[in-house]
Amino acid sequence: MTYVIAQPCVDVKDKACVEECPVDCIYEGQRSLYIHPDECVDCGACEPVCPVEAIFYEEDVPPQGQDYTRANAGFFDVLGSPGGAAKLGLTERDHPLIAALAPQVRGG
């Protein structure tokens, strides 16, 4: 099991979770952040610091967010396991599910 970043992160990318992650497994795509399922140690440090409540334990992803579980893992099909997000930096791509979304407008 692992943690999953869902739709509320799209076009927000606050990165508080990145700063909190002790194993550097939260990678930055063009429009969203992604948690590497093989690098995540399930510590849960990322979940409470997310200001938009986009992070879920895999078993707790709401039914309407199940596509994000697959998208989160699928993001790494091409990227592989770089062994740390900080050294990689911004990845100029997203999973096709995320890339196809209309721009997310957040109320202020």
PDB file of N, CA and C in Angstrom:
ATOM      1  N   MET A   1       0.832  -1.191   0.000  1.00  0.00           N
ATOM      2  CA  MET A   1       0.000   0.000   0.000  1.00  0.00           C
ATOM      3  C   MET A   1       0.875   1.253   0.000  1.00  0.00           C
ATOM      4  N   THR A   2       0.253   2.344  -0.377  1.00  0.00           N
ATOM      5  CA  THR A   2       0.974   3.609  -0.440  1.00  0.00           C
ATOM      6  C   THR A   2      -0.021   4.754  -0.315  1.00  0.00           C
ATOM      7  N   TYR A   3       0.481   5.943  -0.349  1.00  0.00           N
ATOM      8  CA  TYR A   3      -0.374   7.131  -0.370  1.00  0.00           C
ATOM      9  C   TYR A   3      -0.550   7.585  -1.814  1.00  0.00           C
ATOM     10  N   VAL A   4      -1.671   8.265  -2.068  1.00  0.00           N
ATOM     11  CA  VAL A   4      -2.057   8.684  -3.408  1.00  0.00           C
ATOM     12  C   VAL A   4      -2.407  10.172  -3.372  1.00  0.00           C
ATOM     13  N   ILE A   5      -1.996  10.894  -4.391  1.00  0.00           N
ATOM     14  CA  ILE A   5      -2.383  12.296  -4.529  1.00  0.00           C
ATOM     15  C   ILE A   5      -3.484  12.368  -5.576  1.00  0.00           C
ATOM     16  N   ALA A   6      -4.611  12.956  -5.189  1.00  0.00           N
ATOM     17  CA  ALA A   6      -5.792  12.986  -6.047  1.00  0.00           C
ATOM     18  C   ALA A   6      -6.034  14.373  -6.647  1.00  0.00           C
ATOM     19  N   GLN A   7      -7.186  14.530  -7.262  1.00  0.00           N
ATOM     20  CA  GLN A   7      -7.558  15.702  -8.054  1.00  0.00           C
ATOM     21  C   GLN A   7      -7.371  17.054  -7.368  1.00  0.00           C
ATOM     22  N   PRO A   8      -7.617  17.205  -6.066  1.00  0.00           N
ATOM     23  CA  PRO A   8      -7.466  18.545  -5.487  1.00  0.00           C
ATOM     24  C   PRO A   8      -6.064  19.157  -5.641  1.00  0.00           C
ATOM     25  N   CYS A   9      -5.064  18.351  -5.923  1.00  0.00           N
ATOM     26  CA  CYS A   9      -3.697  18.863  -6.099  1.00  0.00           C
ATOM     27  C   CYS A   9      -3.469  19.458  -7.486  1.00  0.00           C
ATOM     28  N   VAL A  10      -4.263  19.051  -8.454  1.00  0.00           N
ATOM     29  CA  VAL A  10      -4.052  19.483  -9.831  1.00  0.00           C
ATOM     30  C   VAL A  10      -4.095  21.010  -9.914  1.00  0.00           C
ATOM     31  N   ASP A  11      -3.075  21.574 -10.493  1.00  0.00           N
ATOM     32  CA  ASP A  11      -2.895  23.011 -10.689  1.00  0.00           C
ATOM     33  C   ASP A  11      -2.717  23.788  -9.380  1.00  0.00           C
ATOM     34  N   VAL A  12      -2.477  23.079  -8.263  1.00  0.00           N
ATOM     35  CA  VAL A  12      -2.196  23.727  -6.981  1.00  0.00           C
ATOM     36  C   VAL A  12      -0.733  23.510  -6.613  1.00  0.00           C
ATOM     37  N   LYS A  13      -0.321  22.248  -6.486  1.00  0.00           N
ATOM     38  CA  LYS A  13       1.062  21.861  -6.173  1.00  0.00           C
ATOM     39  C   LYS A  13       1.671  22.702  -5.056  1.00  0.00           C
ATOM     40  N   ASP A  14       1.022  22.729  -3.909  1.00  0.00           N
ATOM     41  CA  ASP A  14       1.481  23.505  -2.758  1.00  0.00           C
ATOM     42  C   ASP A  14       2.879  23.095  -2.287  1.00  0.00           C
ATOM     43  N   LYS A  15       3.199  21.830  -2.340  1.00  0.00           N
ATOM     44  CA  LYS A  15       4.501  21.237  -2.001  1.00  0.00           C
ATOM     45  C   LYS A  15       4.815  21.165  -0.508  1.00  0.00           C
ATOM     46  N   ALA A  16       3.842  21.453   0.358  1.00  0.00           N
ATOM     47  CA  ALA A  16       4.081  21.241   1.792  1.00  0.00           C
ATOM     48  C   ALA A  16       4.386  19.766   2.039  1.00  0.00           C
ATOM     49  N   CYS A  17       3.752  18.891   1.276  1.00  0.00           N
ATOM     50  CA  CYS A  17       3.978  17.448   1.420  1.00  0.00           C
ATOM     51  C   CYS A  17       5.408  17.076   1.038  1.00  0.00           C
ATOM     52  N   VAL A  18       5.929  17.727   0.020  1.00  0.00           N
ATOM     53  CA  VAL A  18       7.297  17.459  -0.431  1.00  0.00           C
ATOM     54  C   VAL A  18       8.282  17.775   0.688  1.00  0.00           C
ATOM     55  N   GLU A  19       8.083  18.899   1.330  1.00  0.00           N
ATOM     56  CA  GLU A  19       8.960  19.317   2.421  1.00  0.00           C
ATOM     57  C   GLU A  19       8.871  18.372   3.616  1.00  0.00           C
ATOM     58  N   GLU A  20       7.724  17.756   3.817  1.00  0.00           N
ATOM     59  CA  GLU A  20       7.495  16.889   4.974  1.00  0.00           C
ATOM     60  C   GLU A  20       7.957  15.451   4.738  1.00  0.00           C
ATOM     61  N   CYS A  21       8.049  15.025   3.494  1.00  0.00           N
ATOM     62  CA  CYS A  21       8.364  13.627   3.169  1.00  0.00           C
ATOM     63  C   CYS A  21       9.801  13.270   3.557  1.00  0.00           C
ATOM     64  N   PRO A  22       9.973  12.293   4.449  1.00  0.00           N
ATOM     65  CA  PRO A  22      11.326  11.943   4.897  1.00  0.00           C
ATOM     66  C   PRO A  22      12.122  11.108   3.894  1.00  0.00           C
ATOM     67  N   VAL A  23      11.455  10.562   2.875  1.00  0.00           N
ATOM     68  CA  VAL A  23      12.166   9.706   1.918  1.00  0.00           C
ATOM     69  C   VAL A  23      12.194  10.275   0.504  1.00  0.00           C
ATOM     70  N   ASP A  24      11.753  11.522   0.326  1.00  0.00           N
ATOM     71  CA  ASP A  24      11.855  12.215  -0.959  1.00  0.00           C
ATOM     72  C   ASP A  24      11.188  11.438  -2.092  1.00  0.00           C
ATOM     73  N   CYS A  25       9.948  10.970  -1.856  1.00  0.00           N
ATOM     74  CA  CYS A  25       9.266  10.152  -2.866  1.00  0.00           C
ATOM     75  C   CYS A  25       8.106  10.867  -3.544  1.00  0.00           C
ATOM     76  N   ILE A  26       7.963  12.175  -3.337  1.00  0.00           N
ATOM     77  CA  ILE A  26       6.881  12.928  -3.963  1.00  0.00           C
ATOM     78  C   ILE A  26       7.469  13.734  -5.113  1.00  0.00           C
ATOM     79  N   TYR A  27       7.093  13.329  -6.313  1.00  0.00           N
ATOM     80  CA  TYR A  27       7.644  13.885  -7.543  1.00  0.00           C
ATOM     81  C   TYR A  27       6.701  14.933  -8.126  1.00  0.00           C
ATOM     82  N   GLU A  28       7.296  15.910  -8.810  1.00  0.00           N
ATOM     83  CA  GLU A  28       6.524  16.994  -9.383  1.00  0.00           C
ATOM     84  C   GLU A  28       6.347  16.819 -10.894  1.00  0.00           C
ATOM     85  N   GLY A  29       5.083  16.706 -11.287  1.00  0.00           N
ATOM     86  CA  GLY A  29       4.745  16.725 -12.701  1.00  0.00           C
ATOM     87  C   GLY A  29       4.405  18.147 -13.104  1.00  0.00           C
ATOM     88  N   GLN A  30       4.008  18.328 -14.331  1.00  0.00           N
ATOM     89  CA  GLN A  30       3.683  19.658 -14.836  1.00  0.00           C
ATOM     90  C   GLN A  30       2.513  20.288 -14.069  1.00  0.00           C
ATOM     91  N   ARG A  31       1.460  19.498 -13.775  1.00  0.00           N
ATOM     92  CA  ARG A  31       0.255  20.053 -13.150  1.00  0.00           C
ATOM     93  C   ARG A  31      -0.086  19.447 -11.797  1.00  0.00           C
ATOM     94  N   SER A  32       0.595  18.398 -11.396  1.00  0.00           N
ATOM     95  CA  SER A  32       0.266  17.724 -10.142  1.00  0.00           C
ATOM     96  C   SER A  32       1.515  17.107  -9.528  1.00  0.00           C
ATOM     97  N   LEU A  33       1.386  16.702  -8.291  1.00  0.00           N
ATOM     98  CA  LEU A  33       2.438  15.958  -7.604  1.00  0.00           C
ATOM     99  C   LEU A  33       2.045  14.489  -7.583  1.00  0.00           C
ATOM    100  N   TYR A  34       3.024  13.599  -7.492  1.00  0.00           N
ATOM    101  CA  TYR A  34       2.792  12.159  -7.542  1.00  0.00           C
ATOM    102  C   TYR A  34       3.665  11.475  -6.501  1.00  0.00           C
ATOM    103  N   ILE A  35       3.110  10.502  -5.796  1.00  0.00           N
ATOM    104  CA  ILE A  35       3.866   9.736  -4.806  1.00  0.00           C
ATOM    105  C   ILE A  35       4.308   8.421  -5.431  1.00  0.00           C
ATOM    106  N   HIS A  36       5.607   8.178  -5.407  1.00  0.00           N
ATOM    107  CA  HIS A  36       6.135   6.933  -5.988  1.00  0.00           C
ATOM    108  C   HIS A  36       5.724   5.754  -5.108  1.00  0.00           C
ATOM    109  N   PRO A  37       4.946   4.815  -5.650  1.00  0.00           N
ATOM    110  CA  PRO A  37       4.438   3.719  -4.826  1.00  0.00           C
ATOM    111  C   PRO A  37       5.504   2.769  -4.288  1.00  0.00           C
ATOM    112  N   ASP A  38       6.642   2.670  -4.959  1.00  0.00           N
ATOM    113  CA  ASP A  38       7.706   1.778  -4.491  1.00  0.00           C
ATOM    114  C   ASP A  38       8.668   2.470  -3.530  1.00  0.00           C
ATOM    115  N   GLU A  39       8.707   3.786  -3.550  1.00  0.00           N
ATOM    116  CA  GLU A  39       9.619   4.533  -2.685  1.00  0.00           C
ATOM    117  C   GLU A  39       8.948   5.005  -1.397  1.00  0.00           C
ATOM    118  N   CYS A  40       7.627   5.111  -1.402  1.00  0.00           N
ATOM    119  CA  CYS A  40       6.874   5.560  -0.225  1.00  0.00           C
ATOM    120  C   CYS A  40       6.984   4.519   0.887  1.00  0.00           C
ATOM    121  N   VAL A  41       7.243   4.978   2.102  1.00  0.00           N
ATOM    122  CA  VAL A  41       7.364   4.073   3.251  1.00  0.00           C
ATOM    123  C   VAL A  41       6.112   4.104   4.132  1.00  0.00           C
ATOM    124  N   ASP A  42       5.043   4.698   3.618  1.00  0.00           N
ATOM    125  CA  ASP A  42       3.741   4.727   4.311  1.00  0.00           C
ATOM    126  C   ASP A  42       3.799   5.384   5.682  1.00  0.00           C
ATOM    127  N   CYS A  43       4.623   6.390   5.836  1.00  0.00           N
ATOM    128  CA  CYS A  43       4.729   7.044   7.147  1.00  0.00           C
ATOM    129  C   CYS A  43       3.548   7.976   7.417  1.00  0.00           C
ATOM    130  N   GLY A  44       2.934   8.487   6.349  1.00  0.00           N
ATOM    131  CA  GLY A  44       1.771   9.357   6.502  1.00  0.00           C
ATOM    132  C   GLY A  44       2.086  10.802   6.823  1.00  0.00           C
ATOM    133  N   ALA A  45       3.339  11.197   6.816  1.00  0.00           N
ATOM    134  CA  ALA A  45       3.700  12.577   7.156  1.00  0.00           C
ATOM    135  C   ALA A  45       3.124  13.583   6.165  1.00  0.00           C
ATOM    136  N   CYS A  46       2.929  13.187   4.938  1.00  0.00           N
ATOM    137  CA  CYS A  46       2.442  14.083   3.893  1.00  0.00           C
ATOM    138  C   CYS A  46       0.960  14.434   4.037  1.00  0.00           C
ATOM    139  N   GLU A  47       0.187  13.489   4.484  1.00  0.00           N
ATOM    140  CA  GLU A  47      -1.275  13.657   4.484  1.00  0.00           C
ATOM    141  C   GLU A  47      -1.776  14.853   5.295  1.00  0.00           C
ATOM    142  N   PRO A  48      -1.370  15.011   6.559  1.00  0.00           N
ATOM    143  CA  PRO A  48      -1.941  16.112   7.344  1.00  0.00           C
ATOM    144  C   PRO A  48      -1.475  17.510   6.936  1.00  0.00           C
ATOM    145  N   VAL A  49      -0.389  17.619   6.189  1.00  0.00           N
ATOM    146  CA  VAL A  49       0.096  18.948   5.816  1.00  0.00           C
ATOM    147  C   VAL A  49      -0.463  19.438   4.482  1.00  0.00           C
ATOM    148  N   CYS A  50      -1.185  18.603   3.777  1.00  0.00           N
ATOM    149  CA  CYS A  50      -1.752  18.997   2.482  1.00  0.00           C
ATOM    150  C   CYS A  50      -2.895  19.989   2.697  1.00  0.00           C
ATOM    151  N   PRO A  51      -2.742  21.227   2.203  1.00  0.00           N
ATOM    152  CA  PRO A  51      -3.758  22.246   2.452  1.00  0.00           C
ATOM    153  C   PRO A  51      -5.062  22.034   1.684  1.00  0.00           C
ATOM    154  N   VAL A  52      -5.031  21.195   0.651  1.00  0.00           N
ATOM    155  CA  VAL A  52      -6.245  20.955  -0.131  1.00  0.00           C
ATOM    156  C   VAL A  52      -6.802  19.543   0.069  1.00  0.00           C
ATOM    157  N   GLU A  53      -6.259  18.816   1.037  1.00  0.00           N
ATOM    158  CA  GLU A  53      -6.710  17.460   1.372  1.00  0.00           C
ATOM    159  C   GLU A  53      -6.758  16.552   0.141  1.00  0.00           C
ATOM    160  N   ALA A  54      -5.653  16.539  -0.596  1.00  0.00           N
ATOM    161  CA  ALA A  54      -5.554  15.745  -1.814  1.00  0.00           C
ATOM    162  C   ALA A  54      -4.875  14.403  -1.597  1.00  0.00           C
ATOM    163  N   ILE A  55      -4.321  14.161  -0.421  1.00  0.00           N
ATOM    164  CA  ILE A  55      -3.541  12.945  -0.178  1.00  0.00           C
ATOM    165  C   ILE A  55      -4.356  11.962   0.649  1.00  0.00           C
ATOM    166  N   PHE A  56      -4.405  10.723   0.140  1.00  0.00           N
ATOM    167  CA  PHE A  56      -5.168   9.660   0.789  1.00  0.00           C
ATOM    168  C   PHE A  56      -4.315   8.409   0.890  1.00  0.00           C
ATOM    169  N   TYR A  57      -4.516   7.652   1.971  1.00  0.00           N
ATOM    170  CA  TYR A  57      -3.947   6.307   2.018  1.00  0.00           C
ATOM    171  C   TYR A  57      -4.670   5.524   0.931  1.00  0.00           C
ATOM    172  N   GLU A  58      -3.973   4.681   0.205  1.00  0.00           N
ATOM    173  CA  GLU A  58      -4.528   3.999  -0.963  1.00  0.00           C
ATOM    174  C   GLU A  58      -5.885   3.343  -0.685  1.00  0.00           C
ATOM    175  N   GLU A  59      -6.039   2.728   0.454  1.00  0.00           N
ATOM    176  CA  GLU A  59      -7.305   2.059   0.782  1.00  0.00           C
ATOM    177  C   GLU A  59      -8.418   3.052   1.118  1.00  0.00           C
ATOM    178  N   ASP A  60      -8.064   4.321   1.362  1.00  0.00           N
ATOM    179  CA  ASP A  60      -9.050   5.327   1.757  1.00  0.00           C
ATOM    180  C   ASP A  60      -9.405   6.313   0.646  1.00  0.00           C
ATOM    181  N   VAL A  61      -8.896   6.094  -0.558  1.00  0.00           N
ATOM    182  CA  VAL A  61      -9.237   6.981  -1.670  1.00  0.00           C
ATOM    183  C   VAL A  61     -10.742   6.855  -1.918  1.00  0.00           C
ATOM    184  N   PRO A  62     -11.461   7.982  -1.975  1.00  0.00           N
ATOM    185  CA  PRO A  62     -12.907   7.908  -2.218  1.00  0.00           C
ATOM    186  C   PRO A  62     -13.201   7.253  -3.566  1.00  0.00           C
ATOM    187  N   PRO A  63     -14.371   6.645  -3.699  1.00  0.00           N
ATOM    188  CA  PRO A  63     -14.707   5.961  -4.958  1.00  0.00           C
ATOM    189  C   PRO A  63     -14.532   6.842  -6.203  1.00  0.00           C
ATOM    190  N   GLN A  64     -14.881   8.122  -6.112  1.00  0.00           N
ATOM    191  CA  GLN A  64     -14.753   9.010  -7.264  1.00  0.00           C
ATOM    192  C   GLN A  64     -13.291   9.344  -7.580  1.00  0.00           C
ATOM    193  N   GLY A  65     -12.370   8.953  -6.717  1.00  0.00           N
ATOM    194  CA  GLY A  65     -10.962   9.236  -6.937  1.00  0.00           C
ATOM    195  C   GLY A  65     -10.124   8.032  -7.313  1.00  0.00           C
ATOM    196  N   GLN A  66     -10.748   6.897  -7.555  1.00  0.00           N
ATOM    197  CA  GLN A  66      -9.992   5.676  -7.850  1.00  0.00           C
ATOM    198  C   GLN A  66      -9.116   5.802  -9.097  1.00  0.00           C
ATOM    199  N   ASP A  67      -9.524   6.611 -10.064  1.00  0.00           N
ATOM    200  CA  ASP A  67      -8.688   6.801 -11.255  1.00  0.00           C
ATOM    201  C   ASP A  67      -7.346   7.429 -10.888  1.00  0.00           C
ATOM    202  N   TYR A  68      -7.310   8.190  -9.801  1.00  0.00           N
ATOM    203  CA  TYR A  68      -6.066   8.845  -9.386  1.00  0.00           C
ATOM    204  C   TYR A  68      -5.089   7.845  -8.782  1.00  0.00           C
ATOM    205  N   THR A  69      -5.588   6.765  -8.220  1.00  0.00           N
ATOM    206  CA  THR A  69      -4.710   5.700  -7.728  1.00  0.00           C
ATOM    207  C   THR A  69      -3.935   5.124  -8.904  1.00  0.00           C
ATOM    208  N   ARG A  70      -4.637   4.843  -9.985  1.00  0.00           N
ATOM    209  CA  ARG A  70      -3.984   4.301 -11.184  1.00  0.00           C
ATOM    210  C   ARG A  70      -3.081   5.350 -11.847  1.00  0.00           C
ATOM    211  N   ALA A  71      -3.525   6.599 -11.883  1.00  0.00           N
ATOM    212  CA  ALA A  71      -2.725   7.662 -12.500  1.00  0.00           C
ATOM    213  C   ALA A  71      -1.441   7.901 -11.707  1.00  0.00           C
ATOM    214  N   ASN A  72      -1.559   7.869 -10.375  1.00  0.00           N
ATOM    215  CA  ASN A  72      -0.385   8.089  -9.529  1.00  0.00           C
ATOM    216  C   ASN A  72       0.682   7.034  -9.812  1.00  0.00           C
ATOM    217  N   ALA A  73       0.282   5.774  -9.850  1.00  0.00           N
ATOM    218  CA  ALA A  73       1.240   4.692 -10.136  1.00  0.00           C
ATOM    219  C   ALA A  73       1.703   4.756 -11.592  1.00  0.00           C
ATOM    220  N   GLY A  74       0.765   5.041 -12.505  1.00  0.00           N
ATOM    221  CA  GLY A  74       1.080   5.070 -13.931  1.00  0.00           C
ATOM    222  C   GLY A  74       2.054   6.165 -14.328  1.00  0.00           C
ATOM    223  N   PHE A  75       2.111   7.241 -13.560  1.00  0.00           N
ATOM    224  CA  PHE A  75       3.060   8.322 -13.832  1.00  0.00           C
ATOM    225  C   PHE A  75       4.485   7.775 -13.862  1.00  0.00           C
ATOM    226  N   PHE A  76       4.745   6.747 -13.067  1.00  0.00           N
ATOM    227  CA  PHE A  76       6.090   6.195 -12.948  1.00  0.00           C
ATOM    228  C   PHE A  76       6.380   5.080 -13.952  1.00  0.00           C
ATOM    229  N   ASP A  77       5.389   4.716 -14.784  1.00  0.00           N
ATOM    230  CA  ASP A  77       5.630   3.716 -15.824  1.00  0.00           C
ATOM    231  C   ASP A  77       6.726   4.189 -16.775  1.00  0.00           C
ATOM    232  N   VAL A  78       6.718   5.468 -17.088  1.00  0.00           N
ATOM    233  CA  VAL A  78       7.733   6.042 -17.977  1.00  0.00           C
ATOM    234  C   VAL A  78       8.947   6.517 -17.183  1.00  0.00           C
ATOM    235  N   LEU A  79       8.688   7.112 -16.030  1.00  0.00           N
ATOM    236  CA  LEU A  79       9.756   7.708 -15.223  1.00  0.00           C
ATOM    237  C   LEU A  79      10.635   6.667 -14.533  1.00  0.00           C
ATOM    238  N   GLY A  80      10.061   5.532 -14.197  1.00  0.00           N
ATOM    239  CA  GLY A  80      10.805   4.507 -13.474  1.00  0.00           C
ATOM    240  C   GLY A  80      10.949   4.859 -12.011  1.00  0.00           C
ATOM    241  N   SER A  81      12.061   4.472 -11.416  1.00  0.00           N
ATOM    242  CA  SER A  81      12.333   4.748 -10.013  1.00  0.00           C
ATOM    243  C   SER A  81      13.647   5.516  -9.903  1.00  0.00           C
ATOM    244  N   PRO A  82      13.566   6.852 -10.024  1.00  0.00           N
ATOM    245  CA  PRO A  82      14.789   7.662  -9.996  1.00  0.00           C
ATOM    246  C   PRO A  82      15.512   7.674  -8.662  1.00  0.00           C
ATOM    247  N   GLY A  83      14.832   7.266  -7.581  1.00  0.00           N
ATOM    248  CA  GLY A  83      15.496   7.212  -6.287  1.00  0.00           C
ATOM    249  C   GLY A  83      15.577   8.535  -5.563  1.00  0.00           C
ATOM    250  N   GLY A  84      14.643   9.403  -5.815  1.00  0.00           N
ATOM    251  CA  GLY A  84      14.600  10.680  -5.112  1.00  0.00           C
ATOM    252  C   GLY A  84      14.105  11.801  -6.002  1.00  0.00           C
ATOM    253  N   ALA A  85      13.097  12.505  -5.519  1.00  0.00           N
ATOM    254  CA  ALA A  85      12.479  13.558  -6.310  1.00  0.00           C
ATOM    255  C   ALA A  85      13.325  14.818  -6.385  1.00  0.00           C
ATOM    256  N   ALA A  86      14.037  15.144  -5.320  1.00  0.00           N
ATOM    257  CA  ALA A  86      14.784  16.407  -5.271  1.00  0.00           C
ATOM    258  C   ALA A  86      15.824  16.499  -6.381  1.00  0.00           C
ATOM    259  N   LYS A  87      16.538  15.425  -6.621  1.00  0.00           N
ATOM    260  CA  LYS A  87      17.573  15.478  -7.655  1.00  0.00           C
ATOM    261  C   LYS A  87      16.980  15.515  -9.059  1.00  0.00           C
ATOM    262  N   LEU A  88      15.744  15.042  -9.214  1.00  0.00           N
ATOM    263  CA  LEU A  88      15.093  15.025 -10.520  1.00  0.00           C
ATOM    264  C   LEU A  88      14.457  16.375 -10.851  1.00  0.00           C
ATOM    265  N   GLY A  89      13.820  16.997  -9.867  1.00  0.00           N
ATOM    266  CA  GLY A  89      13.150  18.272 -10.095  1.00  0.00           C
ATOM    267  C   GLY A  89      11.858  18.110 -10.869  1.00  0.00           C
ATOM    268  N   LEU A  90      11.419  19.189 -11.479  1.00  0.00           N
ATOM    269  CA  LEU A  90      10.175  19.211 -12.241  1.00  0.00           C
ATOM    270  C   LEU A  90      10.262  18.281 -13.436  1.00  0.00           C
ATOM    271  N   THR A  91       9.237  17.446 -13.588  1.00  0.00           N
ATOM    272  CA  THR A  91       9.106  16.589 -14.757  1.00  0.00           C
ATOM    273  C   THR A  91       8.106  17.266 -15.681  1.00  0.00           C
ATOM    274  N   GLU A  92       8.491  17.560 -16.879  1.00  0.00           N
ATOM    275  CA  GLU A  92       7.647  18.322 -17.813  1.00  0.00           C
ATOM    276  C   GLU A  92       6.557  17.459 -18.446  1.00  0.00           C
ATOM    277  N   ARG A  93       5.905  16.630 -17.638  1.00  0.00           N
ATOM    278  CA  ARG A  93       4.817  15.787 -18.135  1.00  0.00           C
ATOM    279  C   ARG A  93       3.902  15.448 -16.980  1.00  0.00           C
ATOM    280  N   ASP A  94       2.761  14.891 -17.310  1.00  0.00           N
ATOM    281  CA  ASP A  94       1.810  14.390 -16.332  1.00  0.00           C
ATOM    282  C   ASP A  94       1.231  13.095 -16.858  1.00  0.00           C
ATOM    283  N   HIS A  95       0.584  12.348 -15.986  1.00  0.00           N
ATOM    284  CA  HIS A  95      -0.166  11.186 -16.442  1.00  0.00           C
ATOM    285  C   HIS A  95      -1.257  11.707 -17.377  1.00  0.00           C
ATOM    286  N   PRO A  96      -1.621  10.970 -18.423  1.00  0.00           N
ATOM    287  CA  PRO A  96      -2.643  11.430 -19.360  1.00  0.00           C
ATOM    288  C   PRO A  96      -3.970  11.843 -18.708  1.00  0.00           C
ATOM    289  N   LEU A  97      -4.365  11.196 -17.631  1.00  0.00           N
ATOM    290  CA  LEU A  97      -5.602  11.572 -16.930  1.00  0.00           C
ATOM    291  C   LEU A  97      -5.501  13.011 -16.434  1.00  0.00           C
ATOM    292  N   ILE A  98      -4.375  13.361 -15.851  1.00  0.00           N
ATOM    293  CA  ILE A  98      -4.164  14.706 -15.312  1.00  0.00           C
ATOM    294  C   ILE A  98      -4.012  15.705 -16.456  1.00  0.00           C
ATOM    295  N   ALA A  99      -3.238  15.354 -17.452  1.00  0.00           N
ATOM    296  CA  ALA A  99      -2.988  16.252 -18.579  1.00  0.00           C
ATOM    297  C   ALA A  99      -4.270  16.614 -19.314  1.00  0.00           C
ATOM    298  N   ALA A 100      -5.239  15.704 -19.341  1.00  0.00           N
ATOM    299  CA  ALA A 100      -6.487  15.928 -20.062  1.00  0.00           C
ATOM    300  C   ALA A 100      -7.499  16.778 -19.294  1.00  0.00           C
ATOM    301  N   LEU A 101      -7.271  17.001 -18.015  1.00  0.00           N
ATOM    302  CA  LEU A 101      -8.217  17.785 -17.233  1.00  0.00           C
ATOM    303  C   LEU A 101      -8.233  19.245 -17.658  1.00  0.00           C
ATOM    304  N   ALA A 102      -9.414  19.845 -17.586  1.00  0.00           N
ATOM    305  CA  ALA A 102      -9.512  21.289 -17.815  1.00  0.00           C
ATOM    306  C   ALA A 102      -8.745  21.977 -16.689  1.00  0.00           C
ATOM    307  N   PRO A 103      -8.231  23.175 -16.923  1.00  0.00           N
ATOM    308  CA  PRO A 103      -7.542  23.899 -15.849  1.00  0.00           C
ATOM    309  C   PRO A 103      -8.444  24.005 -14.612  1.00  0.00           C
ATOM    310  N   GLN A 104      -7.847  23.743 -13.465  1.00  0.00           N
ATOM    311  CA  GLN A 104      -8.580  23.761 -12.203  1.00  0.00           C
ATOM    312  C   GLN A 104      -8.535  25.177 -11.619  1.00  0.00           C
ATOM    313  N   VAL A 105      -9.690  25.761 -11.443  1.00  0.00           N
ATOM    314  CA  VAL A 105      -9.801  27.099 -10.881  1.00  0.00           C
ATOM    315  C   VAL A 105     -10.224  26.956  -9.437  1.00  0.00           C
ATOM    316  N   ARG A 106      -9.463  27.520  -8.539  1.00  0.00           N
ATOM    317  CA  ARG A 106      -9.751  27.443  -7.101  1.00  0.00           C
ATOM    318  C   ARG A 106     -10.331  28.757  -6.629  1.00  0.00           C
ATOM    319  N   GLY A 107     -11.365  28.661  -5.820  1.00  0.00           N
ATOM    320  CA  GLY A 107     -11.960  29.866  -5.235  1.00  0.00           C
ATOM    321  C   GLY A 107     -11.064  30.453  -4.173  1.00  0.00           C
ATOM    322  N   GLY A 108     -11.149  31.740  -3.975  1.00  0.00           N
ATOM    323  CA  GLY A 108     -10.258  32.368  -3.020  1.00  0.00           C
ATOM    324  C   GLY A 108     -10.938  32.976  -1.868  1.00  0.00           C
TER     325      GLY A 108
END
